[in-house]
Amino acid sequence: LKISSAGLLAATIGLTACTDTNALRQPGDKERNGLITGAILGAGLAGLSNSSNKGPAVVAGAAAGALLGGVIGSQLDKQEAELRQNLSSNGITIVNTGDRLIVSLPNDLTFATDSAAISPAVTADLRQVSQSLVRYPDSTVQVVGHTDSDGEASYNQALSERRANTVADQVQAGGVPYSRL
């Protein structure tokens, strides 16, 4: 049996494409990634400096960058773990990108059709998100509202904005200053 390297490569890519990367995630991944990214950026910036003695500047830059990146990554890992523990699993997703958390609540669970009133089913979850944001005061929030594609675009846009504002109001009522939203 003769297997070409191209065939082996295609098979490897095909198998890895079917891998659930969330299953491979380990606690602390974002902290580790933050350390590495911070060290690389810190060393790179120090290397570009006008310092006459670049060696120590690069080492110091790498150390400072690693420290800052590790702190940010660690905070996101902790906040993500707390949210996963405290939120219901009713289709709510949390994605940790390394520099932000994206918390998505399913539209059909959050709002009734053609409504901007928050469903009682997610009120407790929004309260948990608010409490998390209060515990992590350095985070800012971007609230985005959505609708389905039925109806006119201008109507749907206005409904999306009303929904986003309703969620922002609920988060603010939970103790998060509006300046962070």
Protein backbone atom coordinates (compact mmCIF):
# COMPACT_ATOMS: atom_id res chain seq x y z
CA LEU A 1 0.00 0.00 0.00
CA LYS A 2 1.51 3.29 -1.12
CA ILE A 3 0.35 6.45 0.64
CA SER A 4 1.45 9.82 -0.66
CA SER A 5 2.46 12.57 1.75
CA ALA A 6 -0.35 14.73 0.31
CA GLY A 7 -2.88 12.00 1.13
CA LEU A 8 -1.51 11.64 4.64
CA LEU A 9 -1.66 15.40 5.15
CA ALA A 10 -5.26 15.52 3.86
CA ALA A 11 -6.25 12.69 6.21
CA THR A 12 -4.60 14.42 9.16
CA ILE A 13 -6.34 17.71 8.41
CA GLY A 14 -9.64 15.89 7.94
CA LEU A 15 -9.31 14.17 11.31
CA THR A 16 -8.29 17.30 13.18
CA ALA A 17 -11.12 19.26 11.61
CA CYS A 18 -13.54 16.88 13.34
CA THR A 19 -12.00 17.43 16.76
CA ASP A 20 -13.98 19.32 19.34
CA THR A 21 -11.40 21.86 20.50
CA ASN A 22 -13.46 22.71 23.60
CA ALA A 23 -13.00 19.12 24.75
CA LEU A 24 -9.22 19.62 24.50
CA ARG A 25 -9.27 22.84 26.53
CA GLN A 26 -7.67 22.62 29.91
CA PRO A 27 -8.22 24.97 32.86
CA GLY A 28 -5.69 27.77 32.67
CA ASP A 29 -5.34 27.71 28.87
CA LYS A 30 -6.04 31.42 28.54
CA GLU A 31 -3.67 32.25 31.40
CA ARG A 32 -0.92 30.25 29.69
CA ASN A 33 -1.72 31.84 26.33
CA GLY A 34 -1.70 35.27 27.98
CA LEU A 35 1.70 34.59 29.50
CA ILE A 36 3.16 33.52 26.17
CA THR A 37 1.55 36.31 24.13
CA GLY A 38 2.47 38.93 26.71
CA ALA A 39 6.08 37.75 26.81
CA ILE A 40 6.38 37.83 23.03
CA LEU A 41 4.80 41.27 22.75
CA GLY A 42 6.80 42.64 25.66
CA ALA A 43 10.08 41.33 24.25
CA GLY A 44 9.22 42.60 20.78
CA LEU A 45 8.36 46.08 22.00
CA ALA A 46 11.49 46.24 24.12
CA GLY A 47 13.54 45.08 21.13
CA LEU A 48 12.17 47.99 19.11
CA SER A 49 13.09 50.49 21.83
CA ASN A 50 15.98 52.92 21.56
CA SER A 51 17.76 51.26 24.46
CA SER A 52 21.51 50.92 23.97
CA ASN A 53 21.52 47.65 25.92
CA LYS A 54 18.74 45.67 24.26
CA GLY A 55 19.36 42.34 26.03
CA PRO A 56 18.15 43.38 29.48
CA ALA A 57 15.41 45.54 27.93
CA VAL A 58 14.08 42.55 26.00
CA VAL A 59 14.17 40.32 29.10
CA ALA A 60 12.43 42.98 31.20
CA GLY A 61 9.86 43.58 28.46
CA ALA A 62 9.17 39.85 28.17
CA ALA A 63 8.77 39.53 31.94
CA ALA A 64 6.43 42.53 32.20
CA GLY A 65 4.41 41.35 29.20
CA ALA A 66 4.15 37.82 30.56
CA LEU A 67 3.00 39.12 33.93
CA LEU A 68 0.33 41.36 32.43
CA GLY A 69 -0.80 38.72 29.91
CA GLY A 70 -0.95 36.07 32.62
CA VAL A 71 -3.03 38.27 34.91
CA ILE A 72 -5.52 39.08 32.14
CA GLY A 73 -5.73 35.45 31.02
CA SER A 74 -6.13 34.24 34.60
CA GLN A 75 -8.94 36.72 35.28
CA LEU A 76 -10.80 35.59 32.15
CA ASP A 77 -10.35 31.92 33.09
CA LYS A 78 -11.72 32.56 36.58
CA GLN A 79 -14.62 34.67 35.38
CA GLU A 80 -15.50 32.10 32.71
CA ALA A 81 -15.45 29.26 35.25
CA GLU A 82 -17.67 31.21 37.64
CA LEU A 83 -20.16 32.05 34.91
CA ARG A 84 -20.29 28.43 33.72
CA GLN A 85 -20.97 27.31 37.27
CA ASN A 86 -23.61 29.97 38.01
CA LEU A 87 -25.57 30.19 34.76
CA SER A 88 -28.27 27.75 33.74
CA SER A 89 -27.47 25.59 30.77
CA ASN A 90 -30.53 26.61 28.75
CA GLY A 91 -28.56 27.15 25.56
CA ILE A 92 -26.40 29.91 27.07
CA THR A 93 -22.92 29.83 25.58
CA ILE A 94 -19.68 31.32 26.86
CA VAL A 95 -16.69 31.73 24.57
CA ASN A 96 -13.34 32.80 26.00
CA THR A 97 -11.36 34.38 23.14
CA GLY A 98 -8.34 35.17 25.29
CA ASP A 99 -9.05 38.87 25.53
CA ARG A 100 -12.80 38.80 26.15
CA LEU A 101 -15.70 36.59 27.13
CA ILE A 102 -18.67 36.34 24.82
CA VAL A 103 -21.82 35.34 26.68
CA SER A 104 -24.74 34.57 24.38
CA LEU A 105 -28.28 34.02 25.53
CA PRO A 106 -30.61 32.35 23.02
CA ASN A 107 -32.99 34.87 21.50
CA ASP A 108 -36.01 32.57 21.62
CA LEU A 109 -35.46 32.00 25.35
CA THR A 110 -34.68 35.64 26.18
CA PHE A 111 -37.54 37.37 24.33
CA ALA A 112 -40.98 36.46 23.04
CA THR A 113 -41.62 37.05 19.36
CA ASP A 114 -41.89 40.75 18.51
CA SER A 115 -41.08 41.78 22.09
CA ALA A 116 -38.28 43.58 23.94
CA ALA A 117 -39.47 42.39 27.37
CA ILE A 118 -37.03 39.97 29.00
CA SER A 119 -38.42 36.52 29.68
CA PRO A 120 -38.53 35.46 33.35
CA ALA A 121 -36.62 32.34 32.26
CA VAL A 122 -33.37 34.34 31.90
CA THR A 123 -33.81 37.01 34.58
CA ALA A 124 -31.79 34.99 37.13
CA ASP A 125 -29.04 34.42 34.55
CA LEU A 126 -28.80 38.14 33.78
CA ARG A 127 -28.56 38.75 37.52
CA GLN A 128 -25.64 36.28 37.66
CA VAL A 129 -23.93 38.05 34.75
CA SER A 130 -24.38 41.38 36.55
CA GLN A 131 -22.90 39.98 39.76
CA SER A 132 -19.93 38.63 37.78
CA LEU A 133 -19.37 42.04 36.21
CA VAL A 134 -19.49 43.67 39.64
CA ARG A 135 -16.84 41.19 40.89
CA TYR A 136 -14.67 41.89 37.82
CA PRO A 137 -14.80 45.70 37.59
CA ASP A 138 -12.15 46.01 34.87
CA SER A 139 -14.37 44.38 32.27
CA THR A 140 -16.56 46.34 29.91
CA VAL A 141 -19.66 45.05 28.18
CA GLN A 142 -21.02 45.27 24.70
CA VAL A 143 -24.68 44.30 24.53
CA VAL A 144 -25.96 43.30 21.10
CA GLY A 145 -29.60 42.59 20.33
CA HIS A 146 -30.89 40.39 17.52
CA THR A 147 -34.17 39.45 15.87
CA ASP A 148 -35.16 36.98 13.22
CA SER A 149 -35.27 38.06 9.59
CA ASP A 150 -39.06 38.15 9.33
CA GLY A 151 -40.46 41.61 8.61
CA GLU A 152 -38.88 44.83 7.45
CA ALA A 153 -35.20 45.45 8.16
CA SER A 154 -35.84 48.86 9.73
CA TYR A 155 -38.41 47.40 12.15
CA ASN A 156 -36.09 44.52 13.06
CA GLN A 157 -33.20 46.94 13.62
CA ALA A 158 -35.29 49.03 16.00
CA LEU A 159 -36.44 45.88 17.84
CA SER A 160 -32.83 44.68 18.10
CA GLU A 161 -31.82 48.01 19.64
CA ARG A 162 -34.73 47.94 22.10
CA ARG A 163 -33.76 44.40 23.13
CA ALA A 164 -30.13 45.40 23.64
CA ASN A 165 -31.19 48.41 25.71
CA THR A 166 -33.50 46.26 27.82
CA VAL A 167 -30.67 43.83 28.60
CA ALA A 168 -28.30 46.73 29.34
CA ASP A 169 -30.89 48.22 31.71
CA GLN A 170 -31.24 44.88 33.49
CA VAL A 171 -27.45 44.56 33.87
CA GLN A 172 -27.24 48.13 35.15
CA ALA A 173 -30.01 47.40 37.64
CA GLY A 174 -27.77 44.57 38.89
CA GLY A 175 -25.14 47.12 39.95
CA VAL A 176 -23.02 47.57 36.84
CA PRO A 177 -22.42 51.25 36.03
CA TYR A 178 -23.88 52.26 32.69
CA SER A 179 -20.45 53.68 31.70
CA ARG A 180 -19.20 50.07 31.42
CA LEU A 181 -21.98 49.11 29.02
